[in-house]
Amino acid sequence: MKRLFFILTSKLRFVNSKFYNLSLFFALLTMLKTFRKKFFTANFRIAYLGFLLYRGMKKLPKSV
């Protein structure tokens, strides 16, 4: 899990430092997974939506 988080954060930092907050968000979700596995499915869906939004924003022109 730590390896996955490291890959996520390093990729996000490499793409744009503005998205560092998103990597912190993923860190929070991984912590939630370890402590409360019941709620992780809902949080994972939120994280996945956030990731899709991030990908969409990356594809947008910089002027927008």
N, C-alpha and C. Protein backbone atom coordinates (compact mmCIF):
# COMPACT_ATOMS: atom_id res chain seq x y z
N MET A 1 0.83 -1.20 0.00
CA MET A 1 0.00 0.00 0.00
C MET A 1 0.87 1.26 0.00
N LYS A 2 1.95 1.21 0.78
CA LYS A 2 2.85 2.37 0.82
C LYS A 2 3.50 2.60 -0.54
N ARG A 3 3.82 1.49 -1.22
CA ARG A 3 4.44 1.60 -2.54
C ARG A 3 3.48 2.26 -3.52
N LEU A 4 2.22 1.84 -3.49
CA LEU A 4 1.19 2.42 -4.36
C LEU A 4 1.05 3.92 -4.09
N PHE A 5 1.01 4.28 -2.81
CA PHE A 5 0.90 5.69 -2.43
C PHE A 5 2.11 6.49 -2.93
N PHE A 6 3.30 5.88 -2.82
CA PHE A 6 4.51 6.56 -3.27
C PHE A 6 4.46 6.81 -4.77
N ILE A 7 4.00 5.81 -5.53
CA ILE A 7 3.88 5.96 -6.98
C ILE A 7 2.91 7.08 -7.31
N LEU A 8 1.76 7.09 -6.63
CA LEU A 8 0.75 8.13 -6.85
C LEU A 8 1.32 9.52 -6.58
N THR A 9 1.95 9.68 -5.41
CA THR A 9 2.45 11.00 -5.04
C THR A 9 3.56 11.45 -5.98
N SER A 10 4.47 10.53 -6.31
CA SER A 10 5.58 10.93 -7.18
C SER A 10 5.07 11.33 -8.56
N LYS A 11 4.09 10.59 -9.08
CA LYS A 11 3.53 10.94 -10.39
C LYS A 11 2.82 12.28 -10.33
N LEU A 12 2.04 12.49 -9.27
CA LEU A 12 1.30 13.74 -9.15
C LEU A 12 2.24 14.93 -9.00
N ARG A 13 3.30 14.75 -8.23
CA ARG A 13 4.27 15.84 -8.05
C ARG A 13 4.99 16.12 -9.35
N PHE A 14 5.26 15.06 -10.11
CA PHE A 14 5.98 15.22 -11.36
C PHE A 14 5.12 15.97 -12.38
N VAL A 15 3.83 15.63 -12.45
CA VAL A 15 2.93 16.28 -13.41
C VAL A 15 2.76 17.76 -13.05
N ASN A 16 2.35 18.03 -11.82
CA ASN A 16 2.13 19.42 -11.43
C ASN A 16 2.10 19.51 -9.91
N SER A 17 2.87 20.43 -9.35
CA SER A 17 2.93 20.57 -7.90
C SER A 17 1.60 21.04 -7.31
N LYS A 18 0.75 21.65 -8.16
CA LYS A 18 -0.56 22.09 -7.69
C LYS A 18 -1.42 20.91 -7.23
N PHE A 19 -1.16 19.74 -7.80
CA PHE A 19 -1.96 18.57 -7.47
C PHE A 19 -1.41 17.82 -6.26
N TYR A 20 -0.48 18.43 -5.52
CA TYR A 20 0.06 17.81 -4.31
C TYR A 20 -1.04 17.58 -3.29
N ASN A 21 -2.02 18.51 -3.23
CA ASN A 21 -3.14 18.35 -2.31
C ASN A 21 -3.94 17.10 -2.62
N LEU A 22 -4.04 16.76 -3.91
CA LEU A 22 -4.74 15.55 -4.31
C LEU A 22 -4.01 14.31 -3.78
N SER A 23 -2.67 14.34 -3.81
CA SER A 23 -1.91 13.21 -3.28
C SER A 23 -2.11 13.09 -1.77
N LEU A 24 -2.22 14.24 -1.08
CA LEU A 24 -2.51 14.21 0.35
C LEU A 24 -3.89 13.60 0.60
N PHE A 25 -4.83 13.91 -0.29
CA PHE A 25 -6.17 13.34 -0.23
C PHE A 25 -6.11 11.82 -0.34
N PHE A 26 -5.27 11.32 -1.28
CA PHE A 26 -5.10 9.88 -1.41
C PHE A 26 -4.48 9.29 -0.15
N ALA A 27 -3.55 10.01 0.46
CA ALA A 27 -2.93 9.54 1.69
C ALA A 27 -3.98 9.40 2.79
N LEU A 28 -4.87 10.37 2.88
CA LEU A 28 -5.95 10.33 3.85
C LEU A 28 -6.84 9.11 3.62
N LEU A 29 -7.13 8.82 2.36
CA LEU A 29 -7.98 7.68 2.03
C LEU A 29 -7.29 6.37 2.39
N THR A 30 -5.98 6.27 2.17
CA THR A 30 -5.27 5.04 2.53
C THR A 30 -5.28 4.85 4.04
N MET A 31 -5.16 5.95 4.78
CA MET A 31 -5.24 5.88 6.24
C MET A 31 -6.62 5.40 6.67
N LEU A 32 -7.66 5.93 6.01
CA LEU A 32 -9.02 5.50 6.31
C LEU A 32 -9.19 4.02 6.02
N LYS A 33 -8.53 3.54 4.98
CA LYS A 33 -8.64 2.13 4.65
C LYS A 33 -8.07 1.27 5.77
N THR A 34 -6.92 1.67 6.30
CA THR A 34 -6.31 0.86 7.35
C THR A 34 -7.13 0.88 8.63
N PHE A 35 -7.70 2.04 8.97
CA PHE A 35 -8.41 2.16 10.24
C PHE A 35 -9.88 1.74 10.14
N ARG A 36 -10.53 2.08 9.05
CA ARG A 36 -11.96 1.77 8.92
C ARG A 36 -12.24 1.16 7.56
N LYS A 37 -12.11 -0.16 7.49
CA LYS A 37 -12.30 -0.84 6.21
C LYS A 37 -13.74 -0.81 5.74
N LYS A 38 -14.67 -0.61 6.65
CA LYS A 38 -16.09 -0.56 6.28
C LYS A 38 -16.38 0.59 5.32
N PHE A 39 -15.79 1.74 5.59
CA PHE A 39 -16.11 2.95 4.85
C PHE A 39 -15.24 3.14 3.61
N PHE A 40 -14.28 2.22 3.41
CA PHE A 40 -13.30 2.46 2.34
C PHE A 40 -13.92 2.40 0.95
N THR A 41 -14.92 1.54 0.75
CA THR A 41 -15.49 1.42 -0.60
C THR A 41 -16.07 2.76 -1.06
N ALA A 42 -16.80 3.43 -0.18
CA ALA A 42 -17.37 4.73 -0.52
C ALA A 42 -16.26 5.75 -0.78
N ASN A 43 -15.24 5.75 0.09
CA ASN A 43 -14.14 6.70 -0.07
C ASN A 43 -13.34 6.42 -1.34
N PHE A 44 -13.23 5.13 -1.68
CA PHE A 44 -12.49 4.78 -2.89
C PHE A 44 -13.22 5.30 -4.13
N ARG A 45 -14.53 5.25 -4.11
CA ARG A 45 -15.31 5.80 -5.23
C ARG A 45 -15.07 7.30 -5.36
N ILE A 46 -15.04 7.99 -4.22
CA ILE A 46 -14.77 9.44 -4.22
C ILE A 46 -13.37 9.70 -4.78
N ALA A 47 -12.41 8.89 -4.35
CA ALA A 47 -11.04 9.05 -4.83
C ALA A 47 -10.95 8.80 -6.33
N TYR A 48 -11.68 7.80 -6.79
CA TYR A 48 -11.66 7.48 -8.22
C TYR A 48 -12.26 8.62 -9.04
N LEU A 49 -13.36 9.19 -8.54
CA LEU A 49 -13.96 10.35 -9.20
C LEU A 49 -12.98 11.52 -9.23
N GLY A 50 -12.28 11.73 -8.12
CA GLY A 50 -11.27 12.79 -8.05
C GLY A 50 -10.16 12.56 -9.05
N PHE A 51 -9.77 11.28 -9.20
CA PHE A 51 -8.72 10.95 -10.15
C PHE A 51 -9.18 11.21 -11.58
N LEU A 52 -10.43 10.86 -11.88
CA LEU A 52 -10.99 11.13 -13.21
C LEU A 52 -11.03 12.63 -13.49
N LEU A 53 -11.43 13.41 -12.47
CA LEU A 53 -11.44 14.87 -12.60
C LEU A 53 -10.03 15.40 -12.87
N TYR A 54 -9.06 14.84 -12.15
CA TYR A 54 -7.66 15.25 -12.32
C TYR A 54 -7.19 14.97 -13.75
N ARG A 55 -7.55 13.80 -14.27
CA ARG A 55 -7.18 13.46 -15.64
C ARG A 55 -7.84 14.40 -16.63
N GLY A 56 -9.11 14.72 -16.37
CA GLY A 56 -9.83 15.64 -17.24
C GLY A 56 -9.20 17.03 -17.23
N MET A 57 -8.80 17.49 -16.05
CA MET A 57 -8.18 18.81 -15.92
C MET A 57 -6.83 18.85 -16.63
N LYS A 58 -6.12 17.72 -16.60
CA LYS A 58 -4.82 17.65 -17.24
C LYS A 58 -4.95 17.80 -18.76
N LYS A 59 -6.06 17.28 -19.30
CA LYS A 59 -6.27 17.33 -20.74
C LYS A 59 -6.77 18.69 -21.22
N LEU A 60 -7.31 19.49 -20.31
CA LEU A 60 -7.82 20.81 -20.68
C LEU A 60 -6.68 21.75 -21.07
N PRO A 61 -6.95 22.69 -21.97
CA PRO A 61 -5.92 23.70 -22.29
C PRO A 61 -5.61 24.58 -21.07
N LYS A 62 -4.40 25.09 -21.01
CA LYS A 62 -3.96 25.84 -19.82
C LYS A 62 -4.68 27.17 -19.66
N SER A 63 -5.23 27.69 -20.74
CA SER A 63 -5.92 28.99 -20.66
C SER A 63 -7.22 28.91 -19.87
N VAL A 64 -7.81 27.73 -19.82
CA VAL A 64 -9.10 27.56 -19.12
C VAL A 64 -8.87 27.60 -17.62
